[in-house]
Structures are given as C-alpha cells and as structure tokens.
C-alpha cells in the first residue's frame, strides 16, 4: 500500500466533502469507540467470485459525533440542528464508501476489486472487527487535531471468519 498516497487521498476526500482540512496518520491501534461515535463497515469481495455474500476484506470507519454533524451539514446544506439521524447515517455511509474507494486505489492487491455497500456497524461490534481481523491498514486523524476519525482495512477468510483468533 502506498501510504503517502493514501494519506493524501483520505485528507482530500474529507476536505472535498466538508470544506475542512484534516490530516490523517498511520496508527498502531484503533481507537476505542465513545458513546456518541458512529461506526460503519463496507465489505470488499474478490474479483474471482464477486459474490457479495463472500467478502474477503472490510473497510471500517469510526466517526465522532462532531465529525458526523459537520459531514452531514456540509453534504445536505443544513444547519446541524436540522439534521435527522437518517441524515447522519447517510452521510457516514457515503464517507465510508468514498474512503473505501480511496484505499482500494492504493492497494497493490488486484484480487480485491468489488466494493459492497456501506452499512452501519454497532459500536459494540467495533472492537471485535478491529482486533480479530488481519489488519492491512489503519489511519486516524493526526493527534494534533481535534477531529475523531479512523479508517481501517482488514482481511477476512473466504468463509467469513476472521484471519486471527
């Protein structure tokens, strides 16, 4: 994976959607979800089978409440107090989709080719998904910024189980 390109792509995606700058950095460990964080996942299938029921990898996204509101407000052109929970969920799913595509562009693995549909992930499942998979990449917002964002690419077995126990 071309780390510098990934970092640039992630920052450009956030800036393009929100109009706000945001620098990402590699991380050793995923953040622990907070009570108001939103989590999303997007399955990736291989180019051999292409079956959405047989994902080979997942992109995981964690966003803080302030980031969810800033994103949805910018995407829908509404002030934060007029946003519905569905607006926040739609914006988060779209960000997960865009960041997934950004990660896929930078992979040296052509076998992962088909992006699935982003879906909400229960916060309680975040630790399971982030600590049991075979992690390929993890990027978070730089520690010198107040934003709360994390995006991760993790492999899973063809049978749907995680690579590590």
Protein backbone atom coordinates (compact mmCIF):
# COMPACT_ATOMS: atom_id res chain seq x y z
CA UNK A 1 0.00 0.00 0.00
CA UNK A 2 1.33 3.42 -0.91
CA UNK A 3 0.98 5.16 2.45
CA UNK A 4 1.70 8.73 1.32
CA UNK A 5 -0.89 8.49 -1.44
CA UNK A 6 -3.44 7.00 0.96
CA UNK A 7 -2.93 9.80 3.49
CA UNK A 8 -3.34 12.41 0.76
CA UNK A 9 -6.45 10.70 -0.65
CA UNK A 10 -8.12 10.43 2.76
CA UNK A 11 -7.43 14.09 3.57
CA UNK A 12 -8.65 15.19 0.14
CA UNK A 13 -11.86 13.16 0.49
CA UNK A 14 -12.69 14.72 3.87
CA UNK A 15 -11.86 18.21 2.65
CA UNK A 16 -13.87 17.75 -0.53
CA UNK A 17 -16.96 16.69 1.40
CA UNK A 18 -16.78 19.11 4.33
CA UNK A 19 -14.60 22.00 3.20
CA UNK A 20 -12.47 21.40 6.33
CA UNK A 21 -8.84 20.36 6.37
CA UNK A 22 -7.92 17.12 8.07
CA UNK A 23 -4.58 15.29 8.21
CA UNK A 24 -4.53 11.53 8.68
CA UNK A 25 -1.66 9.47 10.10
CA UNK A 26 -0.94 5.75 10.41
CA UNK A 27 -1.85 4.22 13.76
CA UNK A 28 -0.78 1.11 15.64
CA UNK A 29 -4.10 0.56 17.43
CA UNK A 30 -7.68 1.52 16.57
CA UNK A 31 -9.43 3.96 18.89
CA UNK A 32 -11.95 2.76 21.43
CA UNK A 33 -15.44 3.92 20.46
CA UNK A 34 -17.05 6.61 22.58
CA UNK A 35 -20.76 6.70 23.39
CA UNK A 36 -21.62 9.14 20.59
CA UNK A 37 -19.36 7.71 17.87
CA UNK A 38 -20.80 6.30 14.67
CA UNK A 39 -19.29 3.18 13.10
CA UNK A 40 -19.66 1.81 9.57
CA UNK A 41 -18.37 -1.13 7.56
CA UNK A 42 -18.08 -1.87 3.86
CA UNK A 43 -17.42 -5.41 2.55
CA UNK A 44 -14.98 -5.96 -0.30
CA UNK A 45 -15.20 -9.06 -2.48
CA UNK A 46 -12.54 -10.51 -4.74
CA UNK A 47 -12.56 -10.23 -8.50
CA UNK A 48 -12.77 -14.02 -8.85
CA UNK A 49 -16.16 -14.69 -7.26
CA UNK A 50 -17.57 -11.19 -6.87
CA UNK A 51 -20.26 -12.60 -4.58
CA UNK A 52 -21.33 -10.02 -2.02
CA UNK A 53 -22.11 -12.87 0.38
CA UNK A 54 -18.40 -13.86 0.36
CA UNK A 55 -16.42 -10.77 1.40
CA UNK A 56 -12.63 -11.03 1.54
CA UNK A 57 -12.00 -7.78 3.37
CA UNK A 58 -13.76 -4.99 5.24
CA UNK A 59 -13.26 -1.27 5.47
CA UNK A 60 -14.21 0.01 8.91
CA UNK A 61 -14.94 3.66 9.71
CA UNK A 62 -15.33 5.33 13.10
CA UNK A 63 -16.52 8.94 13.34
CA UNK A 64 -17.12 11.19 16.31
CA UNK A 65 -20.45 13.00 16.72
CA UNK A 66 -18.97 16.38 15.78
CA UNK A 67 -17.48 14.92 12.61
CA UNK A 68 -20.78 13.22 11.72
CA UNK A 69 -22.62 16.52 12.11
CA UNK A 70 -20.03 18.53 10.16
CA UNK A 71 -20.09 15.99 7.34
CA UNK A 72 -23.89 15.74 7.12
CA UNK A 73 -24.34 19.52 7.41
CA UNK A 74 -21.94 20.08 4.51
CA UNK A 75 -23.39 17.29 2.37
CA UNK A 76 -27.03 18.26 2.85
CA UNK A 77 -26.59 22.02 3.21
CA UNK A 78 -28.43 22.09 6.54
CA UNK A 79 -27.52 23.53 9.93
CA UNK A 80 -26.65 20.80 12.47
CA UNK A 81 -29.86 21.32 14.46
CA UNK A 82 -31.95 20.41 11.38
CA UNK A 83 -30.16 17.13 10.68
CA UNK A 84 -32.04 13.91 11.30
CA UNK A 85 -30.46 10.65 12.48
CA UNK A 86 -31.03 9.33 8.94
CA UNK A 87 -29.04 12.27 7.52
CA UNK A 88 -26.13 11.45 9.83
CA UNK A 89 -26.28 7.77 8.88
CA UNK A 90 -26.46 8.52 5.14
CA UNK A 91 -23.51 10.89 5.33
CA UNK A 92 -21.44 8.38 7.30
CA UNK A 93 -22.22 5.60 4.85
CA UNK A 94 -21.23 7.83 1.94
CA UNK A 95 -17.94 8.76 3.63
CA UNK A 96 -17.25 5.06 4.24
CA UNK A 97 -17.87 4.40 0.54
CA UNK A 98 -15.56 7.22 -0.59
CA UNK A 99 -12.77 6.33 1.85
CA UNK A 100 -13.04 2.67 0.81
CA UNK A 101 -12.54 3.64 -2.82
CA UNK A 102 -9.56 5.78 -1.79
CA UNK A 103 -7.97 2.80 -0.02
CA UNK A 104 -8.66 0.46 -2.93
CA UNK A 105 -6.88 2.80 -5.36
CA UNK A 106 -3.70 2.41 -3.33
CA UNK A 107 -3.67 -1.36 -2.85
CA UNK A 108 -1.03 -3.47 -4.52
CA UNK A 109 -3.53 -6.36 -4.45
CA UNK A 110 -5.64 -6.53 -7.60
CA UNK A 111 -7.61 -9.50 -6.24
CA UNK A 112 -9.77 -7.21 -4.08
CA UNK A 113 -11.86 -5.45 -6.64
CA UNK A 114 -15.54 -5.15 -5.80
CA UNK A 115 -16.80 -2.73 -3.17
CA UNK A 116 -20.02 -3.68 -1.43
CA UNK A 117 -22.49 -1.30 0.15
CA UNK A 118 -21.60 0.58 3.32
CA UNK A 119 -23.69 -0.22 6.36
CA UNK A 120 -23.86 0.92 9.97
CA UNK A 121 -21.85 -1.12 12.46
CA UNK A 122 -22.94 -1.28 16.08
CA UNK A 123 -20.35 0.37 18.34
CA UNK A 124 -20.21 -2.76 20.48
CA UNK A 125 -19.00 -4.72 17.44
CA UNK A 126 -16.16 -2.29 16.63
CA UNK A 127 -13.61 -3.93 18.98
CA UNK A 128 -14.37 -7.39 17.58
CA UNK A 129 -13.95 -6.30 13.98
CA UNK A 130 -10.84 -4.21 14.60
CA UNK A 131 -8.94 -6.69 16.77
CA UNK A 132 -9.71 -10.05 15.17
CA UNK A 133 -9.11 -9.29 11.51
CA UNK A 134 -5.79 -9.38 9.70
CA UNK A 135 -5.19 -5.64 9.61
CA UNK A 136 -3.79 -4.25 6.35
CA UNK A 137 -4.01 -0.55 7.16
CA UNK A 138 -5.21 1.77 9.92
CA UNK A 139 -5.31 5.54 9.65
CA UNK A 140 -6.60 8.05 12.17
CA UNK A 141 -6.74 11.81 12.28
CA UNK A 142 -3.42 13.22 13.45
CA UNK A 143 -3.22 13.65 17.21
CA UNK A 144 -2.62 17.40 16.87
CA UNK A 145 -6.17 17.85 15.51
CA UNK A 146 -9.44 17.80 17.46
CA UNK A 147 -11.24 15.56 14.97
CA UNK A 148 -12.22 11.95 15.68
CA UNK A 149 -11.95 9.77 12.56
CA UNK A 150 -10.46 6.33 11.96
CA UNK A 151 -10.49 4.19 8.83
CA UNK A 152 -9.20 0.63 8.67
CA UNK A 153 -8.82 -2.12 6.07
CA UNK A 154 -8.88 -5.68 7.43
CA UNK A 155 -8.84 -9.09 5.69
CA UNK A 156 -11.24 -11.92 6.44
CA UNK A 157 -11.31 -15.57 5.31
CA UNK A 158 -13.45 -16.60 2.38
CA UNK A 159 -15.81 -18.38 4.77
CA UNK A 160 -16.49 -15.09 6.56
CA UNK A 161 -14.43 -15.82 9.65
CA UNK A 162 -11.61 -13.59 10.72
CA UNK A 163 -7.99 -14.44 9.99
CA UNK A 164 -6.79 -14.30 13.60
CA UNK A 165 -8.40 -15.78 16.67
